Amino acid sequence: FRSADGQAQALEDRCPHRGPLLSLGQVGAWEPGTITCRYHGMTFNGDGDCVAFIADGPDSRACGRVKARSYPVEERSGIVWLYMGADQPPALEQGLPYGEQLLAGAHLVTTRMPLEFSHLATLDNDIDLAHPGVLHRTCVPFSAQKPGGHIVATDLDNGGVRANFADDTPHPGA
């Protein structure tokens, strides 16, 4: 969440009172720059200090005594970075692979990660012509319309089949 002056803040996603997720809480319910737990209304600032306890009243002894764990946050190049380690955080450029290049914005850094998935699910998604009009109805290329087009199937050398949706009709968002 963000402080009253717009700075990114990060707390452990657990209210120290009874443990519910603070991410389900409400930002700014007590005052700007705070987050309030929806379970009993324990409210924290960006440093994790309890500043109000709605269920206990305005004179709650929890204020100033209870603390949620806070994390150092840095916002650079349009990305919010937080450090969840126990010690002081290293400089962002040192703790991040290709950090200097990435944060300078001069280079595009890509990585590859193998993902386990079923090719059958992908094939089913590609040939399911009904789902774009429902699931993707708010996407610009579909503009609340069912797409036109057809399925193109290509036999592969290994005996497989490659199927893809080919839509050569003009879209309002194109």
N, C-alpha and C. Protein backbone atom coordinates (compact mmCIF):
# COMPACT_ATOMS: atom_id res chain seq x y z
N PHE A 1 0.85 -1.17 0.00
CA PHE A 1 0.00 0.00 0.00
C PHE A 1 0.89 1.23 0.00
N ARG A 2 0.28 2.40 -0.15
CA ARG A 2 1.06 3.63 -0.23
C ARG A 2 0.77 4.55 0.95
N SER A 3 1.83 5.26 1.34
CA SER A 3 1.71 6.23 2.42
C SER A 3 0.88 7.42 1.93
N ALA A 4 0.59 8.34 2.84
CA ALA A 4 -0.20 9.52 2.48
C ALA A 4 0.47 10.34 1.40
N ASP A 5 1.82 10.31 1.35
CA ASP A 5 2.53 11.07 0.32
C ASP A 5 2.88 10.23 -0.91
N GLY A 6 2.29 9.03 -1.02
CA GLY A 6 2.44 8.22 -2.22
C GLY A 6 3.61 7.25 -2.24
N GLN A 7 4.35 7.12 -1.14
CA GLN A 7 5.48 6.20 -1.09
C GLN A 7 4.99 4.77 -0.88
N ALA A 8 5.59 3.83 -1.59
CA ALA A 8 5.23 2.41 -1.44
C ALA A 8 5.61 1.93 -0.05
N GLN A 9 4.75 1.13 0.56
CA GLN A 9 4.96 0.56 1.90
C GLN A 9 4.72 -0.94 1.82
N ALA A 10 5.37 -1.71 2.68
CA ALA A 10 5.15 -3.16 2.68
C ALA A 10 5.18 -3.68 4.10
N LEU A 11 4.14 -4.42 4.47
CA LEU A 11 4.05 -5.08 5.77
C LEU A 11 3.88 -6.58 5.54
N GLU A 12 4.23 -7.36 6.52
CA GLU A 12 3.97 -8.80 6.45
C GLU A 12 2.47 -8.99 6.26
N ASP A 13 2.10 -9.94 5.42
CA ASP A 13 0.69 -10.15 5.10
C ASP A 13 0.00 -10.95 6.20
N ARG A 14 0.12 -10.45 7.43
CA ARG A 14 -0.49 -11.12 8.58
C ARG A 14 -0.69 -10.07 9.67
N CYS A 15 -1.91 -9.94 10.13
CA CYS A 15 -2.18 -9.03 11.24
C CYS A 15 -1.66 -9.68 12.52
N PRO A 16 -0.88 -8.96 13.33
CA PRO A 16 -0.34 -9.56 14.55
C PRO A 16 -1.41 -9.85 15.61
N HIS A 17 -2.61 -9.35 15.45
CA HIS A 17 -3.66 -9.58 16.44
C HIS A 17 -4.19 -11.01 16.40
N ARG A 18 -4.71 -11.43 15.27
CA ARG A 18 -5.26 -12.78 15.14
C ARG A 18 -4.81 -13.49 13.89
N GLY A 19 -3.95 -12.87 13.10
CA GLY A 19 -3.35 -13.54 11.96
C GLY A 19 -4.04 -13.46 10.61
N PRO A 20 -5.16 -12.73 10.44
CA PRO A 20 -5.74 -12.69 9.10
C PRO A 20 -4.86 -11.91 8.13
N LEU A 21 -5.13 -12.08 6.86
CA LEU A 21 -4.33 -11.45 5.82
C LEU A 21 -4.57 -9.94 5.77
N LEU A 22 -3.51 -9.18 5.93
CA LEU A 22 -3.63 -7.72 5.81
C LEU A 22 -3.92 -7.31 4.37
N SER A 23 -3.53 -8.15 3.41
CA SER A 23 -3.79 -7.82 2.01
C SER A 23 -5.29 -7.75 1.72
N LEU A 24 -6.10 -8.32 2.58
CA LEU A 24 -7.55 -8.23 2.42
C LEU A 24 -8.12 -7.03 3.18
N GLY A 25 -7.24 -6.28 3.83
CA GLY A 25 -7.65 -5.11 4.59
C GLY A 25 -7.98 -3.94 3.69
N GLN A 26 -8.28 -2.81 4.34
CA GLN A 26 -8.67 -1.63 3.60
C GLN A 26 -7.63 -0.53 3.81
N VAL A 27 -7.15 0.00 2.72
CA VAL A 27 -6.16 1.08 2.76
C VAL A 27 -6.89 2.41 2.92
N GLY A 28 -6.41 3.23 3.84
CA GLY A 28 -6.98 4.56 4.02
C GLY A 28 -8.29 4.61 4.77
N ALA A 29 -8.74 3.53 5.38
CA ALA A 29 -10.01 3.54 6.11
C ALA A 29 -9.91 4.43 7.35
N TRP A 30 -8.81 4.39 8.05
CA TRP A 30 -8.62 5.20 9.25
C TRP A 30 -8.14 6.59 8.87
N GLU A 31 -7.09 6.63 8.08
CA GLU A 31 -6.55 7.87 7.54
C GLU A 31 -5.66 7.50 6.36
N PRO A 32 -5.36 8.43 5.47
CA PRO A 32 -4.50 8.11 4.33
C PRO A 32 -3.16 7.55 4.81
N GLY A 33 -2.67 6.55 4.08
CA GLY A 33 -1.37 5.96 4.41
C GLY A 33 -1.42 4.88 5.45
N THR A 34 -2.60 4.40 5.80
CA THR A 34 -2.72 3.31 6.76
C THR A 34 -3.45 2.14 6.11
N ILE A 35 -3.30 0.97 6.72
CA ILE A 35 -4.05 -0.20 6.28
C ILE A 35 -4.75 -0.78 7.50
N THR A 36 -6.03 -1.09 7.36
CA THR A 36 -6.85 -1.58 8.47
C THR A 36 -7.24 -3.03 8.21
N CYS A 37 -6.94 -3.88 9.18
CA CYS A 37 -7.33 -5.29 9.10
C CYS A 37 -8.85 -5.38 9.16
N ARG A 38 -9.43 -6.16 8.29
CA ARG A 38 -10.89 -6.27 8.22
C ARG A 38 -11.47 -7.14 9.34
N TYR A 39 -10.63 -7.83 10.08
CA TYR A 39 -11.14 -8.73 11.11
C TYR A 39 -11.61 -7.96 12.35
N HIS A 40 -10.73 -7.17 12.95
CA HIS A 40 -11.11 -6.39 14.12
C HIS A 40 -10.76 -4.91 14.01
N GLY A 41 -10.19 -4.51 12.88
CA GLY A 41 -9.94 -3.10 12.68
C GLY A 41 -8.61 -2.59 13.22
N MET A 42 -7.66 -3.49 13.48
CA MET A 42 -6.34 -3.03 13.89
C MET A 42 -5.72 -2.34 12.68
N THR A 43 -5.23 -1.11 12.89
CA THR A 43 -4.78 -0.26 11.79
C THR A 43 -3.31 0.07 11.95
N PHE A 44 -2.56 -0.04 10.84
CA PHE A 44 -1.11 0.13 10.88
C PHE A 44 -0.66 1.20 9.89
N ASN A 45 0.42 1.88 10.24
CA ASN A 45 1.05 2.79 9.29
C ASN A 45 2.12 2.02 8.52
N GLY A 46 2.86 2.67 7.65
CA GLY A 46 3.85 2.01 6.81
C GLY A 46 5.03 1.44 7.57
N ASP A 47 5.28 1.92 8.79
CA ASP A 47 6.35 1.36 9.62
C ASP A 47 5.88 0.14 10.40
N GLY A 48 4.60 -0.18 10.31
CA GLY A 48 4.04 -1.33 11.01
C GLY A 48 3.51 -0.99 12.39
N ASP A 49 3.51 0.28 12.78
CA ASP A 49 3.02 0.68 14.09
C ASP A 49 1.49 0.67 14.11
N CYS A 50 0.91 0.10 15.16
CA CYS A 50 -0.54 0.14 15.33
C CYS A 50 -0.91 1.57 15.71
N VAL A 51 -1.70 2.22 14.88
CA VAL A 51 -2.10 3.60 15.12
C VAL A 51 -3.57 3.71 15.53
N ALA A 52 -4.33 2.64 15.38
CA ALA A 52 -5.73 2.61 15.79
C ALA A 52 -6.17 1.16 15.92
N PHE A 53 -7.14 0.94 16.80
CA PHE A 53 -7.72 -0.39 16.95
C PHE A 53 -9.22 -0.19 17.06
N ILE A 54 -9.90 -0.23 15.93
CA ILE A 54 -11.29 0.16 15.83
C ILE A 54 -12.18 -0.66 16.76
N ALA A 55 -11.95 -1.96 16.87
CA ALA A 55 -12.78 -2.81 17.73
C ALA A 55 -12.57 -2.52 19.21
N ASP A 56 -11.44 -1.92 19.59
CA ASP A 56 -11.12 -1.66 20.99
C ASP A 56 -11.39 -0.22 21.39
N GLY A 57 -11.66 0.64 20.45
CA GLY A 57 -11.99 2.02 20.78
C GLY A 57 -10.82 2.97 20.67
N PRO A 58 -11.09 4.27 20.82
CA PRO A 58 -10.07 5.29 20.59
C PRO A 58 -8.94 5.29 21.62
N ASP A 59 -9.14 4.74 22.79
CA ASP A 59 -8.10 4.72 23.82
C ASP A 59 -7.43 3.36 23.95
N SER A 60 -7.40 2.59 22.87
CA SER A 60 -6.85 1.24 22.91
C SER A 60 -5.38 1.25 23.34
N ARG A 61 -5.04 0.34 24.24
CA ARG A 61 -3.66 0.21 24.69
C ARG A 61 -2.79 -0.46 23.63
N ALA A 62 -3.40 -1.00 22.57
CA ALA A 62 -2.62 -1.63 21.49
C ALA A 62 -1.86 -0.57 20.68
N CYS A 63 -2.42 0.64 20.62
CA CYS A 63 -1.77 1.70 19.84
C CYS A 63 -0.40 2.01 20.43
N GLY A 64 0.60 1.96 19.57
CA GLY A 64 1.97 2.23 20.00
C GLY A 64 2.65 1.03 20.63
N ARG A 65 1.93 -0.04 20.89
CA ARG A 65 2.53 -1.24 21.51
C ARG A 65 2.60 -2.42 20.55
N VAL A 66 1.60 -2.57 19.70
CA VAL A 66 1.55 -3.69 18.75
C VAL A 66 2.19 -3.21 17.45
N LYS A 67 2.94 -4.12 16.84
CA LYS A 67 3.64 -3.76 15.61
C LYS A 67 3.55 -4.93 14.62
N ALA A 68 3.26 -4.58 13.36
CA ALA A 68 3.33 -5.55 12.26
C ALA A 68 4.73 -5.45 11.66
N ARG A 69 5.23 -6.55 11.15
CA ARG A 69 6.56 -6.52 10.55
C ARG A 69 6.52 -5.72 9.25
N SER A 70 7.43 -4.77 9.14
CA SER A 70 7.53 -3.97 7.92
C SER A 70 8.79 -4.35 7.16
N TYR A 71 8.80 -4.08 5.87
CA TYR A 71 9.93 -4.43 5.01
C TYR A 71 10.44 -3.18 4.31
N PRO A 72 11.76 -3.10 4.09
CA PRO A 72 12.30 -1.98 3.30
C PRO A 72 11.79 -2.06 1.86
N VAL A 73 11.40 -0.91 1.34
CA VAL A 73 10.83 -0.84 0.00
C VAL A 73 11.57 0.23 -0.79
N GLU A 74 11.79 -0.07 -2.06
CA GLU A 74 12.40 0.90 -2.97
C GLU A 74 11.64 0.84 -4.28
N GLU A 75 11.30 1.99 -4.80
CA GLU A 75 10.58 2.04 -6.07
C GLU A 75 11.52 2.63 -7.11
N ARG A 76 11.86 1.81 -8.10
CA ARG A 76 12.79 2.24 -9.15
C ARG A 76 12.34 1.69 -10.48
N SER A 77 12.49 2.47 -11.51
CA SER A 77 12.16 2.07 -12.88
C SER A 77 10.72 1.55 -12.99
N GLY A 78 9.82 2.13 -12.22
CA GLY A 78 8.42 1.74 -12.29
C GLY A 78 8.10 0.43 -11.61
N ILE A 79 9.04 -0.12 -10.84
CA ILE A 79 8.84 -1.40 -10.16
C ILE A 79 9.03 -1.17 -8.66
N VAL A 80 8.16 -1.77 -7.85
CA VAL A 80 8.29 -1.70 -6.40
C VAL A 80 9.07 -2.92 -5.95
N TRP A 81 10.22 -2.67 -5.32
CA TRP A 81 11.10 -3.74 -4.84
C TRP A 81 11.02 -3.77 -3.32
N LEU A 82 10.89 -4.94 -2.74
CA LEU A 82 10.95 -5.02 -1.29
C LEU A 82 11.92 -6.11 -0.89
N TYR A 83 12.55 -5.87 0.26
CA TYR A 83 13.57 -6.79 0.77
C TYR A 83 13.00 -7.49 1.99
N MET A 84 12.96 -8.83 1.94
CA MET A 84 12.37 -9.60 3.03
C MET A 84 13.42 -10.30 3.87
N GLY A 85 14.69 -9.93 3.71
CA GLY A 85 15.75 -10.54 4.50
C GLY A 85 15.79 -10.01 5.92
N ALA A 86 16.62 -10.62 6.74
CA ALA A 86 16.74 -10.24 8.15
C ALA A 86 17.71 -9.08 8.35
N ASP A 87 18.74 -9.00 7.52
CA ASP A 87 19.75 -7.95 7.67
C ASP A 87 19.34 -6.71 6.88
N GLN A 88 20.25 -5.74 6.85
CA GLN A 88 20.03 -4.57 6.02
C GLN A 88 20.06 -4.99 4.55
N PRO A 89 19.19 -4.42 3.73
CA PRO A 89 19.17 -4.82 2.33
C PRO A 89 20.43 -4.35 1.60
N PRO A 90 20.95 -5.19 0.69
CA PRO A 90 22.06 -4.72 -0.15
C PRO A 90 21.55 -3.69 -1.14
N ALA A 91 22.46 -2.97 -1.76
CA ALA A 91 22.04 -2.05 -2.82
C ALA A 91 21.30 -2.85 -3.88
N LEU A 92 20.25 -2.29 -4.39
CA LEU A 92 19.40 -3.01 -5.34
C LEU A 92 20.19 -3.54 -6.52
N GLU A 93 21.12 -2.75 -7.04
CA GLU A 93 21.93 -3.18 -8.18
C GLU A 93 22.77 -4.41 -7.86
N GLN A 94 23.17 -4.57 -6.60
CA GLN A 94 24.02 -5.71 -6.21
C GLN A 94 23.21 -6.97 -5.94
N GLY A 95 22.00 -6.81 -5.47
CA GLY A 95 21.20 -7.98 -5.12
C GLY A 95 20.34 -8.51 -6.24
N LEU A 96 20.46 -7.94 -7.41
CA LEU A 96 19.61 -8.30 -8.52
C LEU A 96 20.46 -8.70 -9.72
N PRO A 97 20.25 -9.89 -10.29
CA PRO A 97 21.01 -10.25 -11.48
C PRO A 97 20.79 -9.21 -12.58
N TYR A 98 21.87 -8.77 -13.19
CA TYR A 98 21.82 -7.75 -14.24
C TYR A 98 21.20 -6.45 -13.72
N GLY A 99 21.33 -6.20 -12.42
CA GLY A 99 20.68 -5.06 -11.79
C GLY A 99 21.02 -3.73 -12.40
N GLU A 100 22.29 -3.47 -12.65
CA GLU A 100 22.67 -2.17 -13.21
C GLU A 100 22.04 -1.94 -14.57
N GLN A 101 22.07 -2.95 -15.43
CA GLN A 101 21.49 -2.82 -16.76
C GLN A 101 19.96 -2.68 -16.68
N LEU A 102 19.34 -3.49 -15.83
CA LEU A 102 17.89 -3.48 -15.73
C LEU A 102 17.39 -2.13 -15.20
N LEU A 103 18.04 -1.64 -14.15
CA LEU A 103 17.59 -0.40 -13.54
C LEU A 103 17.95 0.84 -14.35
N ALA A 104 18.94 0.71 -15.21
CA ALA A 104 19.30 1.83 -16.08
C ALA A 104 18.27 1.99 -17.20
N GLY A 105 17.53 0.94 -17.47
CA GLY A 105 16.52 0.99 -18.52
C GLY A 105 17.10 0.96 -19.92
N ALA A 106 18.40 0.69 -20.03
CA ALA A 106 19.05 0.71 -21.34
C ALA A 106 18.99 -0.65 -22.03
N HIS A 107 18.70 -1.70 -21.28
CA HIS A 107 18.71 -3.05 -21.84
C HIS A 107 17.42 -3.77 -21.47
N LEU A 108 17.02 -4.64 -22.33
CA LEU A 108 15.91 -5.52 -22.04
C LEU A 108 16.49 -6.84 -21.55
N VAL A 109 16.10 -7.24 -20.35
CA VAL A 109 16.59 -8.49 -19.79
C VAL A 109 15.44 -9.48 -19.81
N THR A 110 15.68 -10.65 -20.40
CA THR A 110 14.67 -11.69 -20.43
C THR A 110 15.22 -12.94 -19.78
N THR A 111 14.33 -13.74 -19.26
CA THR A 111 14.73 -15.02 -18.69
C THR A 111 13.77 -16.07 -19.23
N ARG A 112 14.19 -17.30 -19.12
CA ARG A 112 13.33 -18.41 -19.52
C ARG A 112 13.11 -19.28 -18.31
N MET A 113 11.89 -19.80 -18.20
CA MET A 113 11.55 -20.67 -17.10
C MET A 113 10.68 -21.80 -17.63
N PRO A 114 11.09 -23.04 -17.40
CA PRO A 114 10.24 -24.13 -17.88
C PRO A 114 8.96 -24.20 -17.04
N LEU A 115 7.83 -24.35 -17.70
CA LEU A 115 6.55 -24.46 -17.02
C LEU A 115 5.92 -25.79 -17.38
N GLU A 116 5.48 -26.50 -16.37
CA GLU A 116 4.80 -27.76 -16.60
C GLU A 116 3.34 -27.46 -16.95
N PHE A 117 2.89 -27.88 -18.12
CA PHE A 117 1.51 -27.70 -18.49
C PHE A 117 1.14 -28.77 -19.50
N SER A 118 -0.13 -28.94 -19.66
CA SER A 118 -0.63 -29.92 -20.61
C SER A 118 -0.81 -29.27 -21.97
N HIS A 119 -0.19 -29.86 -22.98
CA HIS A 119 -0.38 -29.34 -24.34
C HIS A 119 -1.83 -29.50 -24.77
N LEU A 120 -2.55 -30.45 -24.16
CA LEU A 120 -3.95 -30.64 -24.50
C LEU A 120 -4.79 -29.44 -24.06
N ALA A 121 -4.46 -28.86 -22.90
CA ALA A 121 -5.18 -27.68 -22.44
C ALA A 121 -4.93 -26.50 -23.37
N THR A 122 -3.70 -26.37 -23.84
CA THR A 122 -3.38 -25.29 -24.78
C THR A 122 -4.13 -25.50 -26.09
N LEU A 123 -4.14 -26.71 -26.59
CA LEU A 123 -4.85 -27.00 -27.83
C LEU A 123 -6.34 -26.74 -27.67
N ASP A 124 -6.91 -27.17 -26.54
CA ASP A 124 -8.32 -26.95 -26.28
C ASP A 124 -8.63 -25.46 -26.24
N ASN A 125 -7.76 -24.68 -25.60
CA ASN A 125 -7.96 -23.24 -25.51
C ASN A 125 -7.89 -22.60 -26.90
N ASP A 126 -6.97 -23.05 -27.73
CA ASP A 126 -6.81 -22.47 -29.06
C ASP A 126 -8.00 -22.74 -29.99
N ILE A 127 -8.61 -23.91 -29.86
CA ILE A 127 -9.70 -24.23 -30.78
C ILE A 127 -11.08 -23.93 -30.19
N ASP A 128 -11.12 -23.45 -28.96
CA ASP A 128 -12.40 -23.13 -28.33
C ASP A 128 -12.83 -21.74 -28.77
N LEU A 129 -13.63 -21.66 -29.81
CA LEU A 129 -14.03 -20.38 -30.37
C LEU A 129 -15.07 -19.66 -29.54
N ALA A 130 -15.67 -20.33 -28.57
CA ALA A 130 -16.71 -19.70 -27.78
C ALA A 130 -16.12 -18.86 -26.64
N HIS A 131 -14.96 -19.23 -26.13
CA HIS A 131 -14.47 -18.56 -24.93
C HIS A 131 -14.02 -17.11 -25.12
N PRO A 132 -13.48 -16.70 -26.27
CA PRO A 132 -13.06 -15.30 -26.36
C PRO A 132 -14.21 -14.31 -26.20
N GLY A 133 -15.39 -14.65 -26.70
CA GLY A 133 -16.53 -13.76 -26.58
C GLY A 133 -17.04 -13.61 -25.16
N VAL A 134 -16.67 -14.54 -24.29
CA VAL A 134 -17.08 -14.47 -22.89
C VAL A 134 -15.90 -14.02 -22.03
N LEU A 135 -14.84 -14.78 -22.04
CA LEU A 135 -13.69 -14.50 -21.16
C LEU A 135 -12.96 -13.23 -21.55
N HIS A 136 -12.77 -13.01 -22.84
CA HIS A 136 -11.98 -11.87 -23.31
C HIS A 136 -12.85 -10.74 -23.86
N ARG A 137 -14.10 -10.69 -23.45
CA ARG A 137 -15.01 -9.71 -24.06
C ARG A 137 -14.62 -8.27 -23.80
N THR A 138 -13.82 -8.01 -22.77
CA THR A 138 -13.41 -6.63 -22.50
C THR A 138 -12.05 -6.30 -23.10
N CYS A 139 -11.42 -7.26 -23.77
CA CYS A 139 -10.13 -6.99 -24.41
C CYS A 139 -10.36 -6.17 -25.67
N VAL A 140 -9.46 -5.23 -25.92
CA VAL A 140 -9.60 -4.33 -27.07
C VAL A 140 -9.78 -5.09 -28.39
N PRO A 141 -8.97 -6.15 -28.67
CA PRO A 141 -9.14 -6.79 -29.98
C PRO A 141 -10.53 -7.40 -30.19
N PHE A 142 -11.22 -7.78 -29.10
CA PHE A 142 -12.52 -8.41 -29.26
C PHE A 142 -13.65 -7.41 -29.11
N SER A 143 -13.45 -6.32 -28.41
CA SER A 143 -14.42 -5.23 -28.26
C SER A 143 -15.85 -5.73 -28.07
N ALA A 144 -16.04 -6.60 -27.14
CA ALA A 144 -17.37 -7.10 -26.78
C ALA A 144 -18.06 -7.85 -27.91
N GLN A 145 -17.28 -8.35 -28.85
CA GLN A 145 -17.86 -9.10 -29.96
C GLN A 145 -17.22 -10.47 -30.03
N LYS A 146 -17.99 -11.40 -30.56
CA LYS A 146 -17.40 -12.70 -30.82
C LYS A 146 -16.49 -12.57 -32.03
N PRO A 147 -15.30 -13.17 -31.96
CA PRO A 147 -14.38 -13.03 -33.10
C PRO A 147 -14.81 -13.88 -34.28
N GLY A 148 -14.43 -13.46 -35.46
CA GLY A 148 -14.60 -14.28 -36.65
C GLY A 148 -13.30 -15.01 -36.89
N GLY A 149 -13.22 -15.77 -37.91
CA GLY A 149 -11.97 -16.45 -38.22
C GLY A 149 -12.16 -17.95 -38.33
N HIS A 150 -11.03 -18.64 -38.34
CA HIS A 150 -11.06 -20.08 -38.53
C HIS A 150 -9.83 -20.72 -37.88
N ILE A 151 -9.86 -22.04 -37.78
CA ILE A 151 -8.75 -22.80 -37.23
C ILE A 151 -7.85 -23.25 -38.37
N VAL A 152 -6.55 -23.05 -38.19
CA VAL A 152 -5.58 -23.51 -39.17
C VAL A 152 -4.82 -24.68 -38.53
N ALA A 153 -4.85 -25.83 -39.16
CA ALA A 153 -4.14 -27.00 -38.64
C ALA A 153 -2.98 -27.33 -39.58
N THR A 154 -1.82 -27.57 -38.99
CA THR A 154 -0.62 -27.89 -39.76
C THR A 154 -0.05 -29.21 -39.25
N ASP A 155 0.19 -30.17 -40.16
CA ASP A 155 0.82 -31.42 -39.77
C ASP A 155 2.30 -31.16 -39.54
N LEU A 156 2.82 -31.65 -38.40
CA LEU A 156 4.23 -31.50 -38.06
C LEU A 156 5.01 -32.73 -38.49
N ASP A 157 6.31 -32.57 -38.68
CA ASP A 157 7.16 -33.68 -39.12
C ASP A 157 7.19 -34.83 -38.12
N ASN A 158 7.01 -34.53 -36.83
CA ASN A 158 7.07 -35.58 -35.81
C ASN A 158 5.74 -36.30 -35.63
N GLY A 159 4.77 -36.02 -36.48
CA GLY A 159 3.48 -36.70 -36.39
C GLY A 159 2.45 -35.90 -35.62
N GLY A 160 2.84 -34.81 -35.02
CA GLY A 160 1.91 -33.98 -34.27
C GLY A 160 1.15 -33.04 -35.18
N VAL A 161 0.27 -32.30 -34.56
CA VAL A 161 -0.54 -31.32 -35.28
C VAL A 161 -0.43 -29.99 -34.54
N ARG A 162 -0.21 -28.95 -35.31
CA ARG A 162 -0.21 -27.62 -34.73
C ARG A 162 -1.49 -26.95 -35.18
N ALA A 163 -2.28 -26.49 -34.19
CA ALA A 163 -3.54 -25.81 -34.51
C ALA A 163 -3.50 -24.42 -33.93
N ASN A 164 -3.92 -23.45 -34.71
CA ASN A 164 -4.01 -22.09 -34.20
C ASN A 164 -5.20 -21.39 -34.81
N PHE A 165 -5.66 -20.39 -34.10
CA PHE A 165 -6.80 -19.61 -34.52
C PHE A 165 -6.32 -18.50 -35.44
N ALA A 166 -6.85 -18.42 -36.62
CA ALA A 166 -6.48 -17.38 -37.57
C ALA A 166 -7.68 -16.46 -37.75
N ASP A 167 -7.49 -15.21 -37.43
CA ASP A 167 -8.59 -14.24 -37.54
C ASP A 167 -8.10 -13.10 -38.40
N ASP A 168 -8.53 -13.06 -39.64
CA ASP A 168 -8.09 -12.01 -40.55
C ASP A 168 -9.18 -10.94 -40.74
N THR A 169 -10.20 -10.95 -39.87
CA THR A 169 -11.22 -9.91 -39.96
C THR A 169 -10.74 -8.67 -39.19
N PRO A 170 -11.10 -7.47 -39.64
CA PRO A 170 -10.64 -6.26 -38.94
C PRO A 170 -11.35 -6.13 -37.59
N HIS A 171 -10.59 -5.66 -36.60
CA HIS A 171 -11.14 -5.44 -35.26
C HIS A 171 -11.22 -3.96 -35.00
N PRO A 172 -12.23 -3.53 -34.26
CA PRO A 172 -12.37 -2.11 -33.98
C PRO A 172 -11.17 -1.51 -33.25
N GLY A 173 -10.48 -2.32 -32.45
CA GLY A 173 -9.35 -1.80 -31.68
C GLY A 173 -8.04 -1.82 -32.43
N ALA A 174 -8.01 -2.40 -33.63
CA ALA A 174 -6.74 -2.54 -34.35
C ALA A 174 -6.35 -1.28 -35.07
